[in-house]
Amino acid sequence: MKKIISMLMAAMLVTACQTETGTGLGMQGSRKEISWNNDVVEFSTLNQYHSAKKNPAIRATLRREDGKRIEMPVDKTGLGYGTSFPCGTSGFYKPDNGIALAEILSMTDERMTIHLSYNEWSIYEAPVTLDKQITLFRDAPVMEVYDYYQGLFDLLNVAAGLTTAQNGAVRPLENGVAVEYPQKGVTAVVIMPKEGGCTVHKTESDVMLTKEVVSGEPIHYYVGISDKGLDYLLEELAKIM
């Protein structure tokens, strides 16, 4: 019942926040997926009715000023656009299925904060849970993410990153990394604050920031997507960081 009420509340808030000039800030839920958006970007991920074993990533779509929509590439590992996974020598330890609970925590004319809760899964037989707090800003191509992992572990190595599919070119940044997709004409970035103590790793298909956390300690990062170039994207990120 709590899940149903949360989704109904989200739908009511979405309707109240529509504008004449665009889609505004909003969150929608269906049997297939949960999505959230502003006038510039849209993000989505599978809900609990669909297995996320194949690709539990958060997907992203850029909404251009000319009305064209650009679907961002996502590869087999599932990293990208606000997704994070525990990782180790055996690779990523992904959740078994999608979102168990999605709700809007707060909404104003300028920003919306949502909460996504994943069903519990196991890492080496130890139960782990993940709660995401995501803030999306009106007319900004960025979102802020706090991921809270909890479970019976001393330290958990967590990765957040971007796919390098479709010939994505990696550019190092201070406290982060950018990937430029020439086929899409789009740039994406993921940045952790300076105090985050993150490490950059690159594989054949991804580039990621990793950080070790204790149970309940958040991993905090920003994700941005734009077709106006890296400098513009960094300027927009600087406004909210």
C-alpha atoms as a PDB file:
ATOM      1  CA  MET A   1       0.000   0.000   0.000  1.00  0.00           C
ATOM      2  CA  LYS A   2       2.882   2.372   0.814  1.00  0.00           C
ATOM      3  CA  LYS A   3       4.311   1.872  -2.665  1.00  0.00           C
ATOM      4  CA  ILE A   4       0.946   2.602  -4.315  1.00  0.00           C
ATOM      5  CA  ILE A   5       0.433   5.741  -2.221  1.00  0.00           C
ATOM      6  CA  SER A   6       3.954   6.976  -3.012  1.00  0.00           C
ATOM      7  CA  MET A   7       3.404   6.611  -6.744  1.00  0.00           C
ATOM      8  CA  LEU A   8       0.009   8.326  -6.555  1.00  0.00           C
ATOM      9  CA  MET A   9       1.561  11.236  -4.647  1.00  0.00           C
ATOM     10  CA  ALA A  10       4.286  11.469  -7.267  1.00  0.00           C
ATOM     11  CA  ALA A  11       1.709  11.588 -10.072  1.00  0.00           C
ATOM     12  CA  MET A  12      -0.182  14.392  -8.304  1.00  0.00           C
ATOM     13  CA  LEU A  13       2.980  16.445  -7.847  1.00  0.00           C
ATOM     14  CA  VAL A  14       4.024  15.891 -11.459  1.00  0.00           C
ATOM     15  CA  THR A  15       0.694  17.220 -12.712  1.00  0.00           C
ATOM     16  CA  ALA A  16       0.955  20.263 -10.474  1.00  0.00           C
ATOM     17  CA  CYS A  17       4.416  21.129 -11.800  1.00  0.00           C
ATOM     18  CA  GLN A  18       3.747  21.147 -15.546  1.00  0.00           C
ATOM     19  CA  THR A  19       4.375  24.442 -17.347  1.00  0.00           C
ATOM     20  CA  GLU A  20       3.203  26.027 -20.592  1.00  0.00           C
ATOM     21  CA  THR A  21       6.757  26.390 -21.894  1.00  0.00           C
ATOM     22  CA  GLY A  22       7.891  22.796 -21.366  1.00  0.00           C
ATOM     23  CA  THR A  23       7.513  19.610 -19.443  1.00  0.00           C
ATOM     24  CA  GLY A  24       8.789  21.094 -16.188  1.00  0.00           C
ATOM     25  CA  LEU A  25      10.062  18.962 -13.331  1.00  0.00           C
ATOM     26  CA  GLY A  26       8.327  15.642 -13.002  1.00  0.00           C
ATOM     27  CA  MET A  27       8.397  12.001 -12.013  1.00  0.00           C
ATOM     28  CA  GLN A  28       6.386   9.215 -13.608  1.00  0.00           C
ATOM     29  CA  GLY A  29       5.928   5.556 -12.794  1.00  0.00           C
ATOM     30  CA  SER A  30       4.651   2.626 -14.840  1.00  0.00           C
ATOM     31  CA  ARG A  31       4.771  -1.126 -14.537  1.00  0.00           C
ATOM     32  CA  LYS A  32       7.925  -1.104 -16.680  1.00  0.00           C
ATOM     33  CA  GLU A  33       9.981   1.805 -15.364  1.00  0.00           C
ATOM     34  CA  ILE A  34      10.393   4.862 -13.178  1.00  0.00           C
ATOM     35  CA  SER A  35      11.419   8.123 -14.858  1.00  0.00           C
ATOM     36  CA  TRP A  36      12.176  11.688 -13.788  1.00  0.00           C
ATOM     37  CA  ASN A  37      12.877  14.774 -15.886  1.00  0.00           C
ATOM     38  CA  ASN A  38      13.126  18.485 -16.419  1.00  0.00           C
ATOM     39  CA  ASP A  39      12.997  20.454 -19.691  1.00  0.00           C
ATOM     40  CA  VAL A  40      16.543  19.389 -20.616  1.00  0.00           C
ATOM     41  CA  VAL A  41      17.121  15.778 -19.582  1.00  0.00           C
ATOM     42  CA  GLU A  42      15.147  12.665 -18.725  1.00  0.00           C
ATOM     43  CA  PHE A  43      16.345   9.694 -16.671  1.00  0.00           C
ATOM     44  CA  SER A  44      14.718   6.293 -16.237  1.00  0.00           C
ATOM     45  CA  THR A  45      15.303   2.887 -14.658  1.00  0.00           C
ATOM     46  CA  LEU A  46      13.455  -0.405 -14.302  1.00  0.00           C
ATOM     47  CA  ASN A  47      10.972  -0.873 -11.488  1.00  0.00           C
ATOM     48  CA  GLN A  48      10.565  -3.967  -9.315  1.00  0.00           C
ATOM     49  CA  TYR A  49       8.372  -5.833 -11.819  1.00  0.00           C
ATOM     50  CA  HIS A  50      11.276  -6.271 -14.239  1.00  0.00           C
ATOM     51  CA  SER A  51      14.499  -8.183 -13.725  1.00  0.00           C
ATOM     52  CA  ALA A  52      17.497  -5.870 -13.718  1.00  0.00           C
ATOM     53  CA  LYS A  53      20.092  -8.635 -13.975  1.00  0.00           C
ATOM     54  CA  LYS A  54      20.874  -7.853 -17.609  1.00  0.00           C
ATOM     55  CA  ASN A  55      21.159  -4.081 -17.336  1.00  0.00           C
ATOM     56  CA  PRO A  56      19.999  -2.276 -14.179  1.00  0.00           C
ATOM     57  CA  ALA A  57      21.445   1.057 -15.333  1.00  0.00           C
ATOM     58  CA  ILE A  58      19.858   4.454 -15.126  1.00  0.00           C
ATOM     59  CA  ARG A  59      19.316   5.483 -18.727  1.00  0.00           C
ATOM     60  CA  ALA A  60      19.392   9.073 -19.978  1.00  0.00           C
ATOM     61  CA  THR A  61      17.780  11.028 -22.804  1.00  0.00           C
ATOM     62  CA  LEU A  62      18.796  14.554 -23.786  1.00  0.00           C
ATOM     63  CA  ARG A  63      15.979  16.890 -24.827  1.00  0.00           C
ATOM     64  CA  ARG A  64      17.390  19.378 -27.345  1.00  0.00           C
ATOM     65  CA  GLU A  65      16.022  22.866 -27.924  1.00  0.00           C
ATOM     66  CA  ASP A  66      14.925  21.870 -31.445  1.00  0.00           C
ATOM     67  CA  GLY A  67      12.722  19.145 -29.983  1.00  0.00           C
ATOM     68  CA  LYS A  68      14.988  16.258 -30.941  1.00  0.00           C
ATOM     69  CA  ARG A  69      15.583  13.569 -28.335  1.00  0.00           C
ATOM     70  CA  ILE A  70      19.011  11.932 -28.051  1.00  0.00           C
ATOM     71  CA  GLU A  71      19.178   8.551 -26.347  1.00  0.00           C
ATOM     72  CA  MET A  72      22.474   8.181 -24.509  1.00  0.00           C
ATOM     73  CA  PRO A  73      24.433   4.931 -25.015  1.00  0.00           C
ATOM     74  CA  VAL A  74      24.433   2.322 -22.257  1.00  0.00           C
ATOM     75  CA  ASP A  75      26.637  -0.752 -22.397  1.00  0.00           C
ATOM     76  CA  LYS A  76      26.434  -4.251 -20.949  1.00  0.00           C
ATOM     77  CA  THR A  77      27.990  -3.418 -17.581  1.00  0.00           C
ATOM     78  CA  GLY A  78      25.098  -1.110 -16.787  1.00  0.00           C
ATOM     79  CA  LEU A  79      27.096   1.855 -15.478  1.00  0.00           C
ATOM     80  CA  GLY A  80      25.953   5.305 -16.444  1.00  0.00           C
ATOM     81  CA  TYR A  81      24.090   8.533 -15.656  1.00  0.00           C
ATOM     82  CA  GLY A  82      23.613   8.187 -11.904  1.00  0.00           C
ATOM     83  CA  THR A  83      24.004   4.422 -11.552  1.00  0.00           C
ATOM     84  CA  SER A  84      26.453   3.061  -8.995  1.00  0.00           C
ATOM     85  CA  PHE A  85      27.423  -0.516  -8.131  1.00  0.00           C
ATOM     86  CA  PRO A  86      29.598  -2.204  -5.527  1.00  0.00           C
ATOM     87  CA  CYS A  87      32.638  -3.624  -7.295  1.00  0.00           C
ATOM     88  CA  GLY A  88      35.587  -5.909  -6.617  1.00  0.00           C
ATOM     89  CA  THR A  89      37.961  -8.405  -8.197  1.00  0.00           C
ATOM     90  CA  SER A  90      34.995 -10.342  -9.635  1.00  0.00           C
ATOM     91  CA  GLY A  91      33.455  -7.287 -11.268  1.00  0.00           C
ATOM     92  CA  PHE A  92      30.227  -5.521 -10.318  1.00  0.00           C
ATOM     93  CA  TYR A  93      27.763  -6.793  -7.716  1.00  0.00           C
ATOM     94  CA  LYS A  94      24.481  -5.660  -9.212  1.00  0.00           C
ATOM     95  CA  PRO A  95      21.002  -5.735  -7.678  1.00  0.00           C
ATOM     96  CA  ASP A  96      18.811  -8.606  -8.843  1.00  0.00           C
ATOM     97  CA  ASN A  97      15.821  -6.482  -9.808  1.00  0.00           C
ATOM     98  CA  GLY A  98      14.580  -2.932 -10.081  1.00  0.00           C
ATOM     99  CA  ILE A  99      13.183  -0.211  -7.869  1.00  0.00           C
ATOM    100  CA  ALA A 100      11.049  -1.276  -4.911  1.00  0.00           C
ATOM    101  CA  LEU A 101       9.927   2.231  -3.932  1.00  0.00           C
ATOM    102  CA  ALA A 102       9.978   5.577  -5.735  1.00  0.00           C
ATOM    103  CA  GLU A 103       8.757   8.814  -4.183  1.00  0.00           C
ATOM    104  CA  ILE A 104       9.150  12.576  -4.395  1.00  0.00           C
ATOM    105  CA  LEU A 105      10.707  13.940  -1.210  1.00  0.00           C
ATOM    106  CA  SER A 106      10.407  17.630  -2.093  1.00  0.00           C
ATOM    107  CA  MET A 107       9.580  19.872  -5.021  1.00  0.00           C
ATOM    108  CA  THR A 108       9.791  23.608  -5.695  1.00  0.00           C
ATOM    109  CA  ASP A 109       9.716  25.632  -8.902  1.00  0.00           C
ATOM    110  CA  GLU A 110      13.504  25.254  -9.136  1.00  0.00           C
ATOM    111  CA  ARG A 111      14.302  21.710  -8.017  1.00  0.00           C
ATOM    112  CA  MET A 112      12.912  18.275  -7.292  1.00  0.00           C
ATOM    113  CA  THR A 113      14.387  15.653  -4.945  1.00  0.00           C
ATOM    114  CA  ILE A 114      13.331  12.021  -5.259  1.00  0.00           C
ATOM    115  CA  HIS A 115      14.058   8.826  -3.345  1.00  0.00           C
ATOM    116  CA  LEU A 116      14.609   5.456  -5.029  1.00  0.00           C
ATOM    117  CA  SER A 117      14.898   2.307  -2.907  1.00  0.00           C
ATOM    118  CA  TYR A 118      16.203  -0.984  -4.314  1.00  0.00           C
ATOM    119  CA  ASN A 119      15.180  -4.440  -3.159  1.00  0.00           C
ATOM    120  CA  GLU A 120      17.767  -6.142  -0.959  1.00  0.00           C
ATOM    121  CA  TRP A 121      20.368  -8.316  -2.706  1.00  0.00           C
ATOM    122  CA  SER A 122      23.411 -10.295  -1.556  1.00  0.00           C
ATOM    123  CA  ILE A 123      27.148  -9.797  -1.956  1.00  0.00           C
ATOM    124  CA  TYR A 124      29.001 -12.944  -0.882  1.00  0.00           C
ATOM    125  CA  GLU A 125      25.853 -13.958   1.044  1.00  0.00           C
ATOM    126  CA  ALA A 126      25.768 -10.662   2.946  1.00  0.00           C
ATOM    127  CA  PRO A 127      22.536  -8.661   2.475  1.00  0.00           C
ATOM    128  CA  VAL A 128      22.946  -5.160   1.012  1.00  0.00           C
ATOM    129  CA  THR A 129      20.431  -2.379   0.429  1.00  0.00           C
ATOM    130  CA  LEU A 130      20.664   0.805  -1.629  1.00  0.00           C
ATOM    131  CA  ASP A 131      18.727   4.040  -1.241  1.00  0.00           C
ATOM    132  CA  LYS A 132      19.295   6.820  -3.771  1.00  0.00           C
ATOM    133  CA  GLN A 133      18.506  10.488  -3.206  1.00  0.00           C
ATOM    134  CA  ILE A 134      18.493  12.384  -6.506  1.00  0.00           C
ATOM    135  CA  THR A 135      18.012  16.117  -7.056  1.00  0.00           C
ATOM    136  CA  LEU A 136      17.142  17.454 -10.501  1.00  0.00           C
ATOM    137  CA  PHE A 137      17.260  21.199 -11.213  1.00  0.00           C
ATOM    138  CA  ARG A 138      14.956  23.138 -13.524  1.00  0.00           C
ATOM    139  CA  ASP A 139      16.493  23.869 -16.938  1.00  0.00           C
ATOM    140  CA  ALA A 140      19.863  22.415 -15.842  1.00  0.00           C
ATOM    141  CA  PRO A 141      21.504  19.462 -17.634  1.00  0.00           C
ATOM    142  CA  VAL A 142      22.673  17.969 -14.334  1.00  0.00           C
ATOM    143  CA  MET A 143      21.524  16.004 -11.341  1.00  0.00           C
ATOM    144  CA  GLU A 144      22.987  15.468  -7.873  1.00  0.00           C
ATOM    145  CA  VAL A 145      23.088  11.941  -6.422  1.00  0.00           C
ATOM    146  CA  TYR A 146      23.557  10.543  -2.923  1.00  0.00           C
ATOM    147  CA  ASP A 147      23.774   6.732  -2.767  1.00  0.00           C
ATOM    148  CA  TYR A 148      23.413   5.106   0.658  1.00  0.00           C
ATOM    149  CA  TYR A 149      24.571   1.479   0.855  1.00  0.00           C
ATOM    150  CA  GLN A 150      23.809  -0.412   4.039  1.00  0.00           C
ATOM    151  CA  GLY A 151      24.657  -3.956   5.069  1.00  0.00           C
ATOM    152  CA  LEU A 152      26.979  -6.245   6.984  1.00  0.00           C
ATOM    153  CA  PHE A 153      30.263  -5.027   5.531  1.00  0.00           C
ATOM    154  CA  ASP A 154      33.285  -3.194   6.922  1.00  0.00           C
ATOM    155  CA  LEU A 155      34.141  -1.359   3.702  1.00  0.00           C
ATOM    156  CA  LEU A 156      32.370  -1.438   0.356  1.00  0.00           C
ATOM    157  CA  ASN A 157      34.081  -0.314  -2.840  1.00  0.00           C
ATOM    158  CA  VAL A 158      31.492   1.521  -4.952  1.00  0.00           C
ATOM    159  CA  ALA A 159      31.818   2.677  -8.574  1.00  0.00           C
ATOM    160  CA  ALA A 160      29.891   5.366 -10.458  1.00  0.00           C
ATOM    161  CA  GLY A 161      30.779   6.063 -14.054  1.00  0.00           C
ATOM    162  CA  LEU A 162      29.989   6.301 -17.747  1.00  0.00           C
ATOM    163  CA  THR A 163      30.102   3.989 -20.723  1.00  0.00           C
ATOM    164  CA  THR A 164      32.663   4.612 -23.459  1.00  0.00           C
ATOM    165  CA  ALA A 165      30.458   2.870 -26.039  1.00  0.00           C
ATOM    166  CA  GLN A 166      30.065   4.360 -29.528  1.00  0.00           C
ATOM    167  CA  ASN A 167      33.682   5.582 -29.566  1.00  0.00           C
ATOM    168  CA  GLY A 168      33.289   7.699 -26.460  1.00  0.00           C
ATOM    169  CA  ALA A 169      36.461   9.729 -25.821  1.00  0.00           C
ATOM    170  CA  VAL A 170      37.547  10.031 -22.186  1.00  0.00           C
ATOM    171  CA  ARG A 171      38.754  13.350 -20.795  1.00  0.00           C
ATOM    172  CA  PRO A 172      40.053  13.561 -17.219  1.00  0.00           C
ATOM    173  CA  LEU A 173      38.667  16.301 -14.985  1.00  0.00           C
ATOM    174  CA  GLU A 174      39.439  17.530 -11.517  1.00  0.00           C
ATOM    175  CA  ASN A 175      37.587  15.121  -9.202  1.00  0.00           C
ATOM    176  CA  GLY A 176      35.866  13.489 -12.136  1.00  0.00           C
ATOM    177  CA  VAL A 177      35.817  12.439 -15.762  1.00  0.00           C
ATOM    178  CA  ALA A 178      34.056  13.392 -19.007  1.00  0.00           C
ATOM    179  CA  VAL A 179      33.127  11.244 -21.995  1.00  0.00           C
ATOM    180  CA  GLU A 180      32.516  12.861 -25.377  1.00  0.00           C
ATOM    181  CA  TYR A 181      30.326  10.909 -27.803  1.00  0.00           C
ATOM    182  CA  PRO A 182      31.125  12.148 -31.340  1.00  0.00           C
ATOM    183  CA  GLN A 183      28.331  10.119 -32.960  1.00  0.00           C
ATOM    184  CA  LYS A 184      25.801  11.760 -30.647  1.00  0.00           C
ATOM    185  CA  GLY A 185      27.363  15.217 -30.461  1.00  0.00           C
ATOM    186  CA  VAL A 186      26.942  15.011 -26.701  1.00  0.00           C
ATOM    187  CA  THR A 187      29.221  15.171 -23.662  1.00  0.00           C
ATOM    188  CA  ALA A 188      28.568  13.515 -20.292  1.00  0.00           C
ATOM    189  CA  VAL A 189      30.417  14.041 -17.007  1.00  0.00           C
ATOM    190  CA  VAL A 190      30.491  12.451 -13.577  1.00  0.00           C
ATOM    191  CA  ILE A 191      32.153  14.361 -10.737  1.00  0.00           C
ATOM    192  CA  MET A 192      32.636  13.683  -7.026  1.00  0.00           C
ATOM    193  CA  PRO A 193      33.349  16.600  -4.681  1.00  0.00           C
ATOM    194  CA  LYS A 194      36.978  17.171  -3.750  1.00  0.00           C
ATOM    195  CA  GLU A 195      36.500  15.765  -0.279  1.00  0.00           C
ATOM    196  CA  GLY A 196      35.135  12.536  -1.746  1.00  0.00           C
ATOM    197  CA  GLY A 197      38.547  10.874  -2.135  1.00  0.00           C
ATOM    198  CA  CYS A 198      37.574   9.067  -5.343  1.00  0.00           C
ATOM    199  CA  THR A 199      39.813   7.071  -7.691  1.00  0.00           C
ATOM    200  CA  VAL A 200      39.495   6.902 -11.495  1.00  0.00           C
ATOM    201  CA  HIS A 201      39.503   3.509 -13.232  1.00  0.00           C
ATOM    202  CA  LYS A 202      39.095   2.698 -16.922  1.00  0.00           C
ATOM    203  CA  THR A 203      38.076  -0.590 -18.548  1.00  0.00           C
ATOM    204  CA  GLU A 204      37.475  -1.567 -22.172  1.00  0.00           C
ATOM    205  CA  SER A 205      33.882  -0.346 -22.000  1.00  0.00           C
ATOM    206  CA  ASP A 206      33.662   2.111 -19.079  1.00  0.00           C
ATOM    207  CA  VAL A 207      35.379   4.813 -17.114  1.00  0.00           C
ATOM    208  CA  MET A 208      34.443   5.098 -13.453  1.00  0.00           C
ATOM    209  CA  LEU A 209      35.064   6.828 -10.154  1.00  0.00           C
ATOM    210  CA  THR A 210      35.365   4.525  -7.153  1.00  0.00           C
ATOM    211  CA  LYS A 211      35.211   5.175  -3.449  1.00  0.00           C
ATOM    212  CA  GLU A 212      35.238   2.991  -0.339  1.00  0.00           C
ATOM    213  CA  VAL A 213      32.342   3.581   2.059  1.00  0.00           C
ATOM    214  CA  VAL A 214      31.160   2.173   5.361  1.00  0.00           C
ATOM    215  CA  SER A 215      27.555   1.134   5.881  1.00  0.00           C
ATOM    216  CA  GLY A 216      25.242   4.142   5.774  1.00  0.00           C
ATOM    217  CA  GLU A 217      27.906   6.562   4.513  1.00  0.00           C
ATOM    218  CA  PRO A 218      26.796   8.192   1.232  1.00  0.00           C
ATOM    219  CA  ILE A 219      28.684   8.235  -2.019  1.00  0.00           C
ATOM    220  CA  HIS A 220      28.012  11.727  -3.391  1.00  0.00           C
ATOM    221  CA  TYR A 221      28.394  12.704  -7.038  1.00  0.00           C
ATOM    222  CA  TYR A 222      27.046  14.823  -9.880  1.00  0.00           C
ATOM    223  CA  VAL A 223      26.057  13.732 -13.385  1.00  0.00           C
ATOM    224  CA  GLY A 224      25.677  16.070 -16.359  1.00  0.00           C
ATOM    225  CA  ILE A 225      24.747  15.698 -20.044  1.00  0.00           C
ATOM    226  CA  SER A 226      24.778  18.366 -22.757  1.00  0.00           C
ATOM    227  CA  ASP A 227      25.079  18.915 -26.520  1.00  0.00           C
ATOM    228  CA  LYS A 228      26.595  22.379 -25.955  1.00  0.00           C
ATOM    229  CA  GLY A 229      30.121  21.254 -25.153  1.00  0.00           C
ATOM    230  CA  LEU A 230      32.161  20.443 -22.070  1.00  0.00           C
ATOM    231  CA  ASP A 231      32.826  24.055 -21.029  1.00  0.00           C
ATOM    232  CA  TYR A 232      29.109  24.834 -20.929  1.00  0.00           C
ATOM    233  CA  LEU A 233      28.419  21.661 -18.978  1.00  0.00           C
ATOM    234  CA  LEU A 234      31.076  22.468 -16.379  1.00  0.00           C
ATOM    235  CA  GLU A 235      29.689  25.983 -16.011  1.00  0.00           C
ATOM    236  CA  GLU A 236      26.232  24.590 -15.319  1.00  0.00           C
ATOM    237  CA  LEU A 237      27.649  22.092 -12.816  1.00  0.00           C
ATOM    238  CA  ALA A 238      29.531  24.881 -11.019  1.00  0.00           C
ATOM    239  CA  LYS A 239      26.236  26.687 -10.385  1.00  0.00           C
ATOM    240  CA  ILE A 240      24.924  23.869  -8.184  1.00  0.00           C
ATOM    241  CA  MET A 241      28.073  22.352  -6.678  1.00  0.00           C
END
